Amino acid sequence: GKGVINALGSDGKVTVFMSGTGNANGLAWAPDGSLMMAQMGAKRIGRRDESGNVTNVTPPGPPLHTPDDLVVRSDGTIYFTDGDFCPIGNALAFNALLPVYVIEPSASMLVSAGNISGPNGIELSPDEQTLYVNGFGEGNVWRYKVAPDGSLTKDARPFVGGLTRPDSLCLDAAGNLYIAVSNGLLVVRPDG
């Protein structure tokens, strides 16, 4: 279908939060309380405000493949991956070199921060000075240095390598990185 976002209540009940999401995959809360969505099917980054209205926040730039995951910095800067994944994209293209993008607040253009093979999961460190991005096709997790203005510089070597199809990423308050891989969950300390 066109995607559903469910909500898990404190009582343990699951309800539909939103339907017709444009096949939203990655979700993140923005500082203003709106829900940001990597909308694979709609091929855009969408914002759902507190009243339920959804708008496109993707500035002009190259056409997107299947926006997969995103994270929002405390100043509203959005970082997202644009893979080429099912059910919308090309299942055979998960090794393709595709960009990691930056959308700065009030951006007039979409900015690429470089390519990764099958860009997928993305996460900011607790201090917002490091951005982690995994390459599903290549089996690596990359680190980007985040400048005060939000721009990115990719490390020359992978932070973690030899992974089997790394997908989603998550960080805890101590900076430990949780990586979903094909055979389970890998936890990596900030020092690697």
Protein backbone atom coordinates (compact mmCIF):
# COMPACT_ATOMS: atom_id res chain seq x y z
CA GLY A 1 0.00 0.00 0.00
CA LYS A 2 1.01 3.59 0.55
CA GLY A 3 2.27 3.05 4.07
CA VAL A 4 1.01 3.22 7.63
CA ILE A 5 2.65 4.59 10.78
CA ASN A 6 1.46 2.91 13.95
CA ALA A 7 1.71 4.20 17.51
CA LEU A 8 2.31 2.10 20.60
CA GLY A 9 0.45 3.56 23.58
CA SER A 10 1.58 3.40 27.20
CA ASP A 11 -1.23 0.86 27.69
CA GLY A 12 0.43 -1.48 25.16
CA LYS A 13 -2.22 -0.93 22.48
CA VAL A 14 -1.27 -0.26 18.88
CA THR A 15 -3.24 2.34 16.94
CA VAL A 16 -2.88 3.85 13.48
CA PHE A 17 -1.13 7.21 13.78
CA MET A 18 -1.14 7.94 10.04
CA SER A 19 -2.01 6.18 6.82
CA GLY A 20 -1.14 7.14 3.24
CA THR A 21 2.41 8.02 4.31
CA GLY A 22 4.01 7.86 0.85
CA ASN A 23 5.73 4.66 2.05
CA ALA A 24 7.52 6.48 4.87
CA ASN A 25 10.48 4.52 6.15
CA GLY A 26 12.76 6.63 8.35
CA LEU A 27 11.07 8.85 10.95
CA ALA A 28 12.45 11.57 13.23
CA TRP A 29 11.02 14.33 15.39
CA ALA A 30 12.01 17.89 14.51
CA PRO A 31 12.69 20.53 17.20
CA ASP A 32 9.28 22.14 16.51
CA GLY A 33 7.43 18.88 17.30
CA SER A 34 6.67 17.93 13.70
CA LEU A 35 7.35 14.43 12.41
CA MET A 36 9.87 14.22 9.59
CA MET A 37 9.48 11.30 7.18
CA ALA A 38 11.75 9.78 4.53
CA GLN A 39 8.96 9.04 2.06
CA MET A 40 10.30 6.31 -0.24
CA GLY A 41 7.22 6.15 -2.48
CA ALA A 42 6.73 9.90 -2.69
CA LYS A 43 10.51 10.30 -3.28
CA ARG A 44 10.80 13.21 -0.87
CA ILE A 45 11.30 14.29 2.73
CA GLY A 46 7.94 15.15 4.25
CA ARG A 47 6.98 17.09 7.37
CA ARG A 48 3.79 16.24 9.29
CA ASP A 49 2.90 19.14 11.56
CA GLU A 50 1.03 18.77 14.83
CA SER A 51 -2.32 19.33 13.11
CA GLY A 52 -1.65 16.45 10.67
CA ASN A 53 -0.84 18.45 7.54
CA VAL A 54 1.97 16.95 5.43
CA THR A 55 4.24 19.11 3.27
CA ASN A 56 7.28 18.46 1.12
CA VAL A 57 10.46 20.01 2.58
CA THR A 58 12.87 18.70 -0.06
CA PRO A 59 14.56 21.66 -1.75
CA PRO A 60 15.39 21.60 -5.47
CA GLY A 61 18.14 19.23 -6.53
CA PRO A 62 18.63 15.91 -8.27
CA PRO A 63 15.67 13.50 -8.36
CA LEU A 64 15.62 11.17 -5.37
CA HIS A 65 15.57 7.34 -5.60
CA THR A 66 14.06 6.02 -2.36
CA PRO A 67 14.76 8.25 0.65
CA ASP A 68 15.42 5.66 3.33
CA ASP A 69 16.31 7.10 6.71
CA LEU A 70 16.83 10.50 8.31
CA VAL A 71 17.91 12.29 11.46
CA VAL A 72 17.28 15.88 12.54
CA ARG A 73 19.84 18.04 14.35
CA SER A 74 18.73 20.32 17.20
CA ASP A 75 18.92 23.37 14.87
CA GLY A 76 16.55 21.71 12.37
CA THR A 77 19.18 20.52 9.87
CA ILE A 78 18.04 17.26 8.26
CA TYR A 79 20.47 14.54 7.17
CA PHE A 80 19.10 11.69 5.07
CA THR A 81 20.08 8.70 2.98
CA ASP A 82 18.76 8.06 -0.51
CA GLY A 83 19.18 4.38 -1.31
CA ASP A 84 17.42 2.37 -3.99
CA PHE A 85 15.48 -0.18 -1.98
CA CYS A 86 12.29 -2.25 -2.19
CA PRO A 87 9.38 -2.02 -2.25
CA ILE A 88 9.72 1.14 -4.36
CA GLY A 89 13.26 0.98 -5.73
CA ASN A 90 15.40 -1.54 -7.52
CA ALA A 91 16.20 -4.51 -5.27
CA LEU A 92 19.30 -5.29 -7.33
CA ALA A 93 20.76 -1.80 -6.89
CA PHE A 94 21.57 -1.95 -3.17
CA ASN A 95 25.28 -1.75 -4.06
CA ALA A 96 24.85 1.45 -6.09
CA LEU A 97 26.85 4.48 -4.99
CA LEU A 98 24.20 6.97 -3.90
CA PRO A 99 24.28 10.19 -1.88
CA VAL A 100 23.87 11.19 1.71
CA TYR A 101 22.03 14.53 1.71
CA VAL A 102 21.82 17.60 3.93
CA ILE A 103 18.81 19.93 4.15
CA GLU A 104 19.75 23.03 6.11
CA PRO A 105 17.03 25.20 7.66
CA SER A 106 15.70 27.56 4.95
CA ALA A 107 17.72 25.66 2.32
CA SER A 108 17.29 26.67 -1.31
CA MET A 109 19.19 23.66 -2.72
CA LEU A 110 19.67 20.01 -1.80
CA VAL A 111 23.30 19.42 -0.73
CA SER A 112 25.11 16.10 -1.25
CA ALA A 113 27.73 15.06 1.31
CA GLY A 114 29.18 12.30 -0.88
CA ASN A 115 28.25 8.79 -1.93
CA ILE A 116 28.06 5.47 -0.10
CA SER A 117 27.26 2.02 -1.49
CA GLY A 118 23.60 1.47 -0.60
CA PRO A 119 23.21 4.30 1.97
CA ASN A 120 20.73 3.20 4.61
CA GLY A 121 20.75 3.86 8.37
CA ILE A 122 21.81 7.28 9.70
CA GLU A 123 22.28 8.67 13.21
CA LEU A 124 23.84 11.65 15.03
CA SER A 125 26.08 11.30 18.07
CA PRO A 126 24.67 12.73 21.33
CA ASP A 127 26.94 15.80 21.00
CA GLU A 128 25.86 16.22 17.32
CA GLN A 129 29.50 16.38 16.18
CA THR A 130 29.53 13.00 14.41
CA LEU A 131 27.10 11.56 11.86
CA TYR A 132 27.09 7.80 11.34
CA VAL A 133 25.86 6.34 8.03
CA ASN A 134 25.87 2.72 7.00
CA GLY A 135 26.41 1.31 3.53
CA PHE A 136 24.07 -1.66 3.15
CA GLY A 137 25.81 -2.85 -0.01
CA GLU A 138 29.40 -2.51 1.17
CA GLY A 139 28.98 -3.62 4.79
CA ASN A 140 30.54 -0.51 6.34
CA VAL A 141 29.53 2.20 8.77
CA TRP A 142 31.05 5.60 7.96
CA ARG A 143 31.62 8.60 10.20
CA TYR A 144 31.21 12.18 9.10
CA LYS A 145 32.50 15.13 11.10
CA VAL A 146 29.71 17.67 11.57
CA ALA A 147 30.89 21.29 11.44
CA PRO A 148 29.16 23.98 13.54
CA ASP A 149 27.33 25.14 10.38
CA GLY A 150 26.01 21.59 9.82
CA SER A 151 28.23 20.73 6.84
CA LEU A 152 29.80 17.27 6.69
CA THR A 153 33.25 15.81 6.06
CA LYS A 154 33.48 12.04 5.54
CA ASP A 155 36.27 10.08 7.26
CA ALA A 156 38.76 8.49 4.87
CA ARG A 157 38.20 5.02 6.30
CA PRO A 158 35.09 3.20 7.55
CA PHE A 159 34.39 3.36 11.28
CA VAL A 160 33.24 -0.29 11.26
CA GLY A 161 33.60 -2.72 8.37
CA GLY A 162 32.88 -6.32 7.41
CA LEU A 163 29.20 -6.17 8.37
CA THR A 164 26.51 -8.25 6.68
CA ARG A 165 23.84 -5.93 5.27
CA PRO A 166 23.82 -3.21 7.94
CA ASP A 167 20.44 -1.54 8.07
CA SER A 168 19.06 0.70 10.82
CA LEU A 169 21.23 2.56 13.31
CA CYS A 170 20.50 3.83 16.81
CA LEU A 171 22.61 5.46 19.54
CA ASP A 172 22.19 5.45 23.27
CA ALA A 173 23.02 8.38 25.57
CA ALA A 174 26.55 7.05 26.12
CA GLY A 175 27.24 7.10 22.38
CA ASN A 176 27.13 3.33 21.82
CA LEU A 177 26.03 2.58 18.27
CA TYR A 178 23.45 -0.19 17.70
CA ILE A 179 23.56 -1.62 14.17
CA ALA A 180 20.89 -3.96 12.79
CA VAL A 181 22.69 -6.58 10.66
CA SER A 182 21.35 -9.66 8.86
CA ASN A 183 22.19 -12.00 11.76
CA GLY A 184 21.16 -9.81 14.69
CA LEU A 185 22.21 -6.66 16.49
CA LEU A 186 25.77 -5.38 16.82
CA VAL A 187 26.72 -2.83 19.49
CA VAL A 188 29.84 -0.71 18.92
CA ARG A 189 31.38 1.59 21.53
CA PRO A 190 32.25 5.19 20.53
CA ASP A 191 35.94 4.22 20.31
CA GLY A 192 35.12 1.47 17.78
